Amino acid sequence: MSQSLQHDSIPPLPFALPDIGEEEIAEVVDTLRSGWLTTGPKTRRFEQEFAAFLGDSSLQTIAVNSATAGLHLALEAAGIEAGDEVITTTHTFTASAEVIRYLGADPVLVDIEEHSWCIDPEQVLRHITPRTRAIIVVHFGGRSVHMTRILDIARAHGLKVIEDAAHALPATHQGQMIGTLPSDATVFSFYANKTMTTGEGGMLVTRDDALAKRARTMRLHGIDRDAFARFNSTVPAWRYDIVAPGFKYNMTDIAAALGLVQLRRAHAMQQRRAQIAAQYDALLEGTGITLPPQPDASDVHAWHLYPIALPVGVDRDRFIDAMFAQGIGMSVHYIPLHRQTYWRELCQLRPESFPVSEALYQRTASLPIYTRMSDEDVERVVRAVRQALVRAKVAQAKVVP
């Protein structure tokens, strides 16, 4: 049998796959049979159980339909306005920056650290101006940002801190769980490829009562009462008031039903991801690949992503093509914002202003990492990596005059 036919006979291994079992299905079916599909009792339970999961009774939790919605609500409730500046990193998905523009504020993009691949606190410090009002940090790949330094900088300059924790459940910084640090708000994502999922969804977490109250109001059209309170009442409760031009960002009970079960499994799923990451670390030794930054000794890495940096002399795009040819799904995290047309033109950005992010982008590719992968799947990925490294080098050599 030819090599190509052998590849055709093996099912492709996707880049990401949600881990949904019979318990999640039963919880969703129960919701469908309950007659309450939108924001209601299960969303409220999910919020309460999420706060309990983080282990801090002083936290307020607001379930939303995406992490992007949560970031927008957090900035709006924090008082960010047109003309303000908000610092974030270029090495992220566009949502981290686009929410700044939703409010007419100006994003200021900064580089990442070589050793962590997260936002560089010293670059944050250098870019503070009289117009700076907030910092959005991104816990890249599931490893925490150097939050102690970020919070020190923010306190010294009177800045709000919003944590984009889309990758970071459950992760820790200096032994403290992300979501419980003294930032102004933290936003988690439950998108389909995240460490736990509600299909689409997110959670805004804060200790600030005023921020939480504003976010809850703005989450659903600026109405002063939520739908569950109005429609579940045993006495007439049809009156409501619009107190602000809000948004449509509420989570449904169908999504929350998934979240309730996934949350109970979150620590076990993180442990499996950590096992896969450790297996990759061991099997990729000697390949010349730069492995993803490890967490500090006392910390937990969520391992949402397993990004690698390829050896010098290996063409990244050809490497990915060679991996797909072997049936292995891949992605790149990220095409930095300074390379995206809108951000490049709006902020007049040049690659040389972001040397660490730019160099990482040129070499980076993310391997599959999800809890439904078997040890054999991981070994298959690594075999494909070794072959792809050879093919990418050879292919590159052929185009050199």
Protein backbone atom coordinates (compact mmCIF):
# COMPACT_ATOMS: atom_id res chain seq x y z
CA MET A 1 0.00 0.00 0.00
CA SER A 2 1.32 3.44 -0.89
CA GLN A 3 2.12 5.99 1.79
CA SER A 4 -0.68 8.31 0.58
CA LEU A 5 -3.23 5.48 0.77
CA GLN A 6 -2.07 4.66 4.28
CA HIS A 7 -2.68 8.27 5.29
CA ASP A 8 -6.10 8.21 3.62
CA SER A 9 -7.12 5.16 5.68
CA ILE A 10 -6.38 6.85 9.01
CA PRO A 11 -8.98 9.35 10.22
CA PRO A 12 -7.57 12.88 10.52
CA LEU A 13 -6.80 14.17 13.98
CA PRO A 14 -8.47 17.57 14.46
CA PHE A 15 -6.75 20.52 16.06
CA ALA A 16 -9.41 20.78 18.79
CA LEU A 17 -12.42 18.78 19.91
CA PRO A 18 -14.84 19.45 22.79
CA ASP A 19 -15.16 16.78 25.49
CA ILE A 20 -18.92 16.27 25.79
CA GLY A 21 -20.31 13.22 27.57
CA GLU A 22 -23.68 11.74 28.46
CA GLU A 23 -23.93 13.83 31.63
CA GLU A 24 -23.72 17.07 29.63
CA ILE A 25 -26.28 15.77 27.15
CA ALA A 26 -28.68 14.79 29.95
CA GLU A 27 -28.36 18.24 31.58
CA VAL A 28 -29.14 19.97 28.29
CA VAL A 29 -32.13 17.68 27.67
CA ASP A 30 -33.39 18.46 31.17
CA THR A 31 -33.20 22.15 30.30
CA LEU A 32 -35.11 21.66 27.06
CA ARG A 33 -37.83 19.79 28.93
CA SER A 34 -38.00 22.42 31.68
CA GLY A 35 -39.55 25.05 29.42
CA TRP A 36 -36.97 27.65 30.46
CA LEU A 37 -34.37 28.05 27.71
CA THR A 38 -32.97 31.56 28.02
CA THR A 39 -31.30 33.20 31.05
CA GLY A 40 -32.91 31.59 34.07
CA PRO A 41 -32.36 29.17 36.97
CA LYS A 42 -29.49 27.22 35.43
CA THR A 43 -27.62 30.36 34.43
CA ARG A 44 -27.98 31.60 38.00
CA ARG A 45 -26.75 28.24 39.34
CA PHE A 46 -23.82 28.29 36.95
CA GLU A 47 -22.82 31.75 38.18
CA GLN A 48 -23.00 30.62 41.79
CA GLU A 49 -21.10 27.41 41.20
CA PHE A 50 -18.43 29.25 39.21
CA ALA A 51 -17.77 31.55 42.17
CA ALA A 52 -17.58 28.48 44.42
CA PHE A 53 -15.17 26.84 41.98
CA LEU A 54 -12.85 29.85 42.26
CA GLY A 55 -13.14 29.52 46.04
CA ASP A 56 -13.82 33.15 46.92
CA SER A 57 -17.22 34.16 48.31
CA SER A 58 -16.48 37.87 47.74
CA LEU A 59 -16.56 37.41 43.96
CA GLN A 60 -19.49 38.39 41.77
CA THR A 61 -19.99 36.38 38.58
CA ILE A 62 -21.91 37.48 35.48
CA ALA A 63 -22.55 34.85 32.79
CA VAL A 64 -22.48 36.18 29.22
CA ASN A 65 -22.74 34.84 25.69
CA SER A 66 -19.02 35.25 24.89
CA ALA A 67 -15.76 36.37 26.45
CA THR A 68 -15.78 39.26 23.97
CA ALA A 69 -19.07 40.41 25.50
CA GLY A 70 -17.57 40.07 28.97
CA LEU A 71 -14.54 42.18 28.07
CA HIS A 72 -16.77 44.85 26.54
CA LEU A 73 -19.00 44.93 29.62
CA ALA A 74 -15.99 45.11 31.93
CA LEU A 75 -14.47 48.07 30.09
CA GLU A 76 -17.80 49.89 29.82
CA ALA A 77 -18.55 49.36 33.51
CA ALA A 78 -15.02 50.50 34.40
CA GLY A 79 -15.82 53.85 32.77
CA ILE A 80 -13.64 53.62 29.65
CA GLU A 81 -14.71 56.32 27.18
CA ALA A 82 -13.84 57.81 23.80
CA GLY A 83 -10.39 59.36 23.84
CA ASP A 84 -9.05 57.10 26.59
CA GLU A 85 -6.13 54.76 25.94
CA VAL A 86 -6.11 51.10 26.92
CA ILE A 87 -2.90 49.08 26.73
CA THR A 88 -2.97 45.48 25.56
CA THR A 89 -0.71 43.08 23.69
CA THR A 90 -0.28 42.64 19.96
CA HIS A 91 0.08 38.88 20.46
CA THR A 92 -3.57 37.99 20.91
CA PHE A 93 -6.85 37.42 19.12
CA THR A 94 -8.52 40.58 17.85
CA ALA A 95 -11.27 40.48 20.52
CA SER A 96 -8.82 41.67 23.19
CA ALA A 97 -8.40 44.94 21.30
CA GLU A 98 -11.67 45.36 19.42
CA VAL A 99 -13.65 45.84 22.63
CA ILE A 100 -11.57 48.98 23.25
CA ARG A 101 -12.74 50.40 19.93
CA TYR A 102 -16.38 49.54 20.76
CA LEU A 103 -16.16 52.36 23.32
CA GLY A 104 -14.31 54.78 21.04
CA ALA A 105 -11.12 54.42 23.07
CA ASP A 106 -7.67 53.90 21.55
CA PRO A 107 -5.80 50.60 21.90
CA VAL A 108 -2.07 50.85 22.58
CA LEU A 109 -0.40 47.59 21.58
CA VAL A 110 2.79 46.37 23.23
CA ASP A 111 5.17 43.45 22.80
CA ILE A 112 5.45 40.20 24.77
CA GLU A 113 8.20 38.71 26.94
CA GLU A 114 10.59 36.19 25.40
CA HIS A 115 10.44 33.87 28.40
CA SER A 116 6.65 33.79 28.92
CA TRP A 117 5.10 34.76 25.54
CA CYS A 118 2.74 36.95 27.59
CA ILE A 119 2.43 40.75 27.69
CA ASP A 120 5.65 42.42 28.85
CA PRO A 121 5.01 44.52 31.99
CA GLU A 122 8.01 46.74 31.26
CA GLN A 123 6.62 47.53 27.81
CA VAL A 124 3.31 48.39 29.49
CA LEU A 125 5.13 50.80 31.78
CA ARG A 126 6.91 52.49 28.85
CA HIS A 127 3.65 53.09 26.97
CA ILE A 128 1.65 54.77 29.74
CA THR A 129 0.57 58.32 28.87
CA PRO A 130 -1.74 60.87 30.52
CA ARG A 131 -4.61 59.33 28.50
CA THR A 132 -4.03 55.75 29.68
CA ARG A 133 -6.95 54.44 31.73
CA ALA A 134 -6.64 50.64 31.72
CA ILE A 135 -4.58 47.57 30.89
CA ILE A 136 -5.99 44.40 29.34
CA VAL A 137 -3.63 41.50 29.99
CA VAL A 138 -3.88 38.16 28.12
CA HIS A 139 -2.94 34.92 29.85
CA PHE A 140 -1.54 33.38 26.69
CA GLY A 141 -2.07 29.67 26.11
CA GLY A 142 -3.06 29.06 29.72
CA ARG A 143 0.10 30.41 31.39
CA SER A 144 -0.44 33.38 33.69
CA VAL A 145 0.91 36.86 33.04
CA HIS A 146 3.33 38.32 35.61
CA MET A 147 0.35 39.80 37.43
CA THR A 148 2.22 41.02 40.51
CA ARG A 149 4.24 43.41 38.36
CA ILE A 150 1.20 44.46 36.29
CA LEU A 151 -0.83 45.23 39.41
CA ASP A 152 2.03 47.22 40.92
CA ILE A 153 2.26 49.31 37.75
CA ALA A 154 -1.51 49.81 37.66
CA ARG A 155 -1.68 50.93 41.29
CA ALA A 156 1.20 53.37 40.79
CA HIS A 157 -0.56 55.01 37.83
CA GLY A 158 -4.21 54.71 38.85
CA LEU A 159 -5.11 52.28 36.05
CA LYS A 160 -7.84 49.64 35.79
CA VAL A 161 -6.74 46.07 35.11
CA ILE A 162 -8.90 43.68 33.08
CA GLU A 163 -7.69 40.10 32.71
CA ASP A 164 -8.46 38.34 29.43
CA ALA A 165 -8.48 34.84 30.87
CA ALA A 166 -10.00 33.15 27.82
CA HIS A 167 -7.17 30.57 27.96
CA ALA A 168 -6.71 30.42 31.72
CA LEU A 169 -9.22 28.14 33.43
CA PRO A 170 -7.99 26.79 35.75
CA ALA A 171 -4.60 28.53 36.02
CA THR A 172 -2.80 30.21 38.90
CA HIS A 173 -0.37 33.05 39.57
CA GLN A 174 1.87 32.63 42.61
CA GLY A 175 -0.49 29.93 43.84
CA GLN A 176 -3.62 32.08 43.54
CA MET A 177 -6.27 31.13 41.01
CA ILE A 178 -6.79 33.43 38.05
CA GLY A 179 -10.10 35.14 38.71
CA THR A 180 -9.30 35.79 42.38
CA LEU A 181 -6.44 38.30 41.98
CA PRO A 182 -6.97 41.97 42.93
CA SER A 183 -7.62 43.13 39.37
CA ASP A 184 -10.80 45.02 38.48
CA ALA A 185 -12.32 42.22 36.41
CA THR A 186 -11.43 38.86 34.89
CA VAL A 187 -13.17 37.38 31.86
CA PHE A 188 -13.19 33.68 30.98
CA SER A 189 -14.21 32.05 27.69
CA PHE A 190 -16.26 28.90 27.22
CA TYR A 191 -15.97 28.75 23.44
CA ALA A 192 -16.05 25.27 21.90
CA ASN A 193 -12.25 24.78 21.86
CA LYS A 194 -11.54 26.10 25.36
CA THR A 195 -10.58 24.12 28.46
CA MET A 196 -14.29 23.87 29.31
CA THR A 197 -17.17 24.81 27.06
CA THR A 198 -20.75 26.00 26.92
CA GLY A 199 -20.62 26.04 23.10
CA GLU A 200 -20.48 29.83 23.13
CA GLY A 201 -20.21 31.75 26.36
CA GLY A 202 -18.12 33.48 28.97
CA MET A 203 -18.01 34.66 32.57
CA LEU A 204 -17.15 38.11 33.94
CA VAL A 205 -15.75 37.94 37.49
CA THR A 206 -15.24 40.95 39.78
CA ARG A 207 -15.22 42.06 43.41
CA ASP A 208 -16.36 45.56 42.48
CA ASP A 209 -20.05 45.84 43.38
CA ALA A 210 -20.63 48.89 41.19
CA LEU A 211 -18.91 47.27 38.20
CA ALA A 212 -20.95 44.09 38.67
CA LYS A 213 -24.24 46.00 38.95
CA ARG A 214 -23.52 47.99 35.79
CA ALA A 215 -22.43 44.88 33.86
CA ARG A 216 -25.60 43.01 34.85
CA THR A 217 -27.75 45.92 33.69
CA MET A 218 -25.90 46.38 30.42
CA ARG A 219 -25.82 42.63 29.77
CA LEU A 220 -29.51 42.72 28.81
CA HIS A 221 -30.55 45.94 27.05
CA GLY A 222 -30.02 48.23 30.04
CA ILE A 223 -33.15 46.85 31.73
CA ASP A 224 -33.28 47.34 35.48
CA ARG A 225 -34.62 43.78 36.11
CA ASP A 226 -33.59 40.49 34.53
CA ALA A 227 -36.01 38.35 32.53
CA PHE A 228 -35.98 35.50 35.03
CA ALA A 229 -37.07 37.81 37.86
CA ARG A 230 -39.87 39.26 35.74
CA PHE A 231 -41.25 36.12 34.09
CA ASN A 232 -40.84 33.75 37.03
CA SER A 233 -42.72 35.98 39.44
CA THR A 234 -45.96 34.67 41.02
CA VAL A 235 -47.41 38.19 41.06
CA PRO A 236 -47.64 40.72 38.22
CA ALA A 237 -44.11 41.89 37.44
CA TRP A 238 -44.38 43.25 33.93
CA ARG A 239 -43.08 46.72 34.69
CA TYR A 240 -39.43 47.47 33.97
CA ASP A 241 -37.32 50.48 33.17
CA ILE A 242 -34.59 51.09 30.60
CA VAL A 243 -31.81 52.90 32.41
CA ALA A 244 -29.09 52.75 29.71
CA PRO A 245 -28.65 51.74 26.05
CA GLY A 246 -27.45 48.23 26.85
CA PHE A 247 -26.48 45.15 24.87
CA LYS A 248 -27.77 41.61 24.21
CA TYR A 249 -25.04 39.65 26.00
CA ASN A 250 -26.92 37.24 28.27
CA MET A 251 -26.13 33.53 28.49
CA THR A 252 -28.90 31.00 27.84
CA ASP A 253 -29.86 28.21 30.23
CA ILE A 254 -29.05 25.72 27.47
CA ALA A 255 -25.46 26.95 27.47
CA ALA A 256 -25.36 27.10 31.27
CA ALA A 257 -26.51 23.48 31.46
CA LEU A 258 -23.37 22.45 29.60
CA GLY A 259 -21.31 24.69 31.84
CA LEU A 260 -22.64 23.18 35.06
CA VAL A 261 -21.33 19.73 34.11
CA GLN A 262 -18.14 20.94 32.45
CA LEU A 263 -17.26 22.97 35.53
CA ARG A 264 -17.41 19.85 37.71
CA ARG A 265 -14.91 18.23 35.33
CA ALA A 266 -12.63 21.26 34.90
CA HIS A 267 -9.82 20.17 37.22
CA ALA A 268 -9.77 16.64 35.81
CA MET A 269 -9.69 17.99 32.25
CA GLN A 270 -6.82 20.33 33.14
CA GLN A 271 -4.89 17.39 34.57
CA ARG A 272 -5.31 15.46 31.32
CA ARG A 273 -4.16 18.47 29.31
CA ALA A 274 -1.11 18.75 31.58
CA GLN A 275 -0.35 15.06 30.98
CA ILE A 276 -0.50 15.59 27.22
CA ALA A 277 1.75 18.64 27.48
CA ALA A 278 4.28 16.64 29.53
CA GLN A 279 4.16 13.84 26.96
CA TYR A 280 4.84 16.33 24.17
CA ASP A 281 7.71 17.84 26.18
CA ALA A 282 9.38 14.45 26.51
CA LEU A 283 8.77 13.21 22.97
CA LEU A 284 9.86 16.45 21.27
CA GLU A 285 13.21 16.51 23.05
CA GLY A 286 16.08 16.61 20.58
CA THR A 287 14.02 17.98 17.68
CA GLY A 288 15.36 21.53 17.98
CA ILE A 289 11.84 22.79 18.66
CA THR A 290 11.39 25.46 21.33
CA LEU A 291 8.71 24.19 23.69
CA PRO A 292 6.03 26.45 25.18
CA PRO A 293 6.97 28.34 28.34
CA GLN A 294 6.39 26.36 31.51
CA PRO A 295 4.55 27.79 34.52
CA ASP A 296 6.44 28.87 37.61
CA ALA A 297 7.11 26.00 40.01
CA SER A 298 4.18 26.83 42.31
CA ASP A 299 1.68 27.46 39.52
CA VAL A 300 -0.89 25.62 37.43
CA HIS A 301 -0.90 26.00 33.64
CA ALA A 302 -4.33 25.54 32.02
CA TRP A 303 -2.75 24.21 28.79
CA HIS A 304 -5.42 25.57 26.50
CA LEU A 305 -2.73 25.67 23.80
CA TYR A 306 0.51 23.84 23.09
CA PRO A 307 2.35 26.31 20.82
CA ILE A 308 5.85 25.45 19.63
CA ALA A 309 8.54 27.56 17.95
CA LEU A 310 10.20 25.77 15.06
CA PRO A 311 13.99 25.54 14.60
CA VAL A 312 15.69 28.18 12.48
CA GLY A 313 15.77 26.98 8.87
CA VAL A 314 12.34 25.33 8.99
CA ASP A 315 9.64 27.06 6.95
CA ARG A 316 6.61 27.37 9.24
CA ASP A 317 3.99 27.38 6.48
CA ARG A 318 5.51 24.35 4.77
CA PHE A 319 5.69 22.59 8.14
CA ILE A 320 1.97 23.12 8.69
CA ASP A 321 1.21 21.93 5.14
CA ALA A 322 3.23 18.78 5.84
CA MET A 323 1.33 18.19 9.08
CA PHE A 324 -2.05 18.53 7.37
CA ALA A 325 -0.85 16.15 4.64
CA GLN A 326 -0.37 13.60 7.42
CA GLY A 327 -3.86 14.24 8.79
CA ILE A 328 -2.87 16.39 11.77
CA GLY A 329 -4.81 19.59 12.45
CA MET A 330 -2.73 22.66 13.28
CA SER A 331 -3.16 26.36 13.94
CA VAL A 332 -1.08 29.48 14.57
CA HIS A 333 -1.38 31.55 17.75
CA TYR A 334 -1.40 34.25 16.73
CA ILE A 335 -1.12 36.27 13.60
CA PRO A 336 -0.27 39.34 15.71
CA LEU A 337 -2.52 42.36 15.57
CA HIS A 338 0.28 44.49 14.11
CA ARG A 339 0.03 42.29 10.99
CA GLN A 340 -3.75 42.67 10.64
CA THR A 341 -4.92 45.32 8.16
CA TYR A 342 -7.31 47.17 10.45
CA TRP A 343 -4.94 47.44 13.41
CA ARG A 344 -1.88 48.11 11.27
CA GLU A 345 -3.56 51.05 9.55
CA LEU A 346 -5.44 52.41 12.57
CA CYS A 347 -2.45 52.41 14.92
CA GLN A 348 0.25 52.86 12.23
CA LEU A 349 2.06 49.72 13.37
CA ARG A 350 5.29 48.22 12.06
CA PRO A 351 6.62 44.70 12.74
CA GLU A 352 9.95 46.02 13.98
CA SER A 353 8.15 47.69 16.90
CA PHE A 354 7.24 44.23 18.20
CA PRO A 355 10.43 42.15 17.79
CA VAL A 356 9.51 39.33 20.20
CA SER A 357 5.98 38.82 18.90
CA GLU A 358 7.12 39.11 15.28
CA ALA A 359 9.94 36.59 15.70
CA LEU A 360 7.61 34.16 17.49
CA TYR A 361 4.93 34.53 14.82
CA GLN A 362 7.43 33.65 12.08
CA ARG A 363 8.27 30.35 13.80
CA THR A 364 5.20 29.36 15.81
CA ALA A 365 2.62 26.64 15.27
CA SER A 366 0.20 25.07 17.74
CA LEU A 367 -0.14 21.31 18.12
CA PRO A 368 -3.45 19.63 19.02
CA ILE A 369 -4.12 19.41 22.75
CA TYR A 370 -7.52 18.34 24.06
CA THR A 371 -8.74 15.83 26.61
CA ARG A 372 -10.14 13.30 24.14
CA MET A 373 -6.64 12.70 22.73
CA SER A 374 -5.13 9.35 23.66
CA ASP A 375 -1.44 8.72 24.36
CA GLU A 376 -1.31 7.08 20.94
CA ASP A 377 -2.73 10.25 19.36
CA VAL A 378 0.06 12.28 20.96
CA GLU A 379 2.66 9.83 19.67
CA ARG A 380 1.10 10.08 16.20
CA VAL A 381 1.38 13.87 16.31
CA VAL A 382 5.05 13.70 17.30
CA ARG A 383 5.85 11.22 14.52
CA ALA A 384 4.20 13.63 12.09
CA VAL A 385 6.18 16.53 13.56
CA ARG A 386 9.48 14.73 12.98
CA GLN A 387 8.55 13.97 9.35
CA ALA A 388 7.24 17.50 8.78
CA LEU A 389 10.47 19.02 10.08
CA VAL A 390 12.42 17.08 7.47
CA ARG A 391 9.99 17.91 4.67
CA ALA A 392 9.92 21.63 5.55
CA LYS A 393 13.73 21.78 5.52
CA VAL A 394 13.97 19.91 2.23
CA ALA A 395 11.22 21.97 0.62
CA GLN A 396 12.91 25.17 1.73
CA ALA A 397 16.28 23.98 0.46
CA LYS A 398 14.80 23.41 -3.01
CA VAL A 399 13.76 27.05 -3.38
CA VAL A 400 17.16 28.44 -2.32
CA PRO A 401 19.18 29.47 -5.45
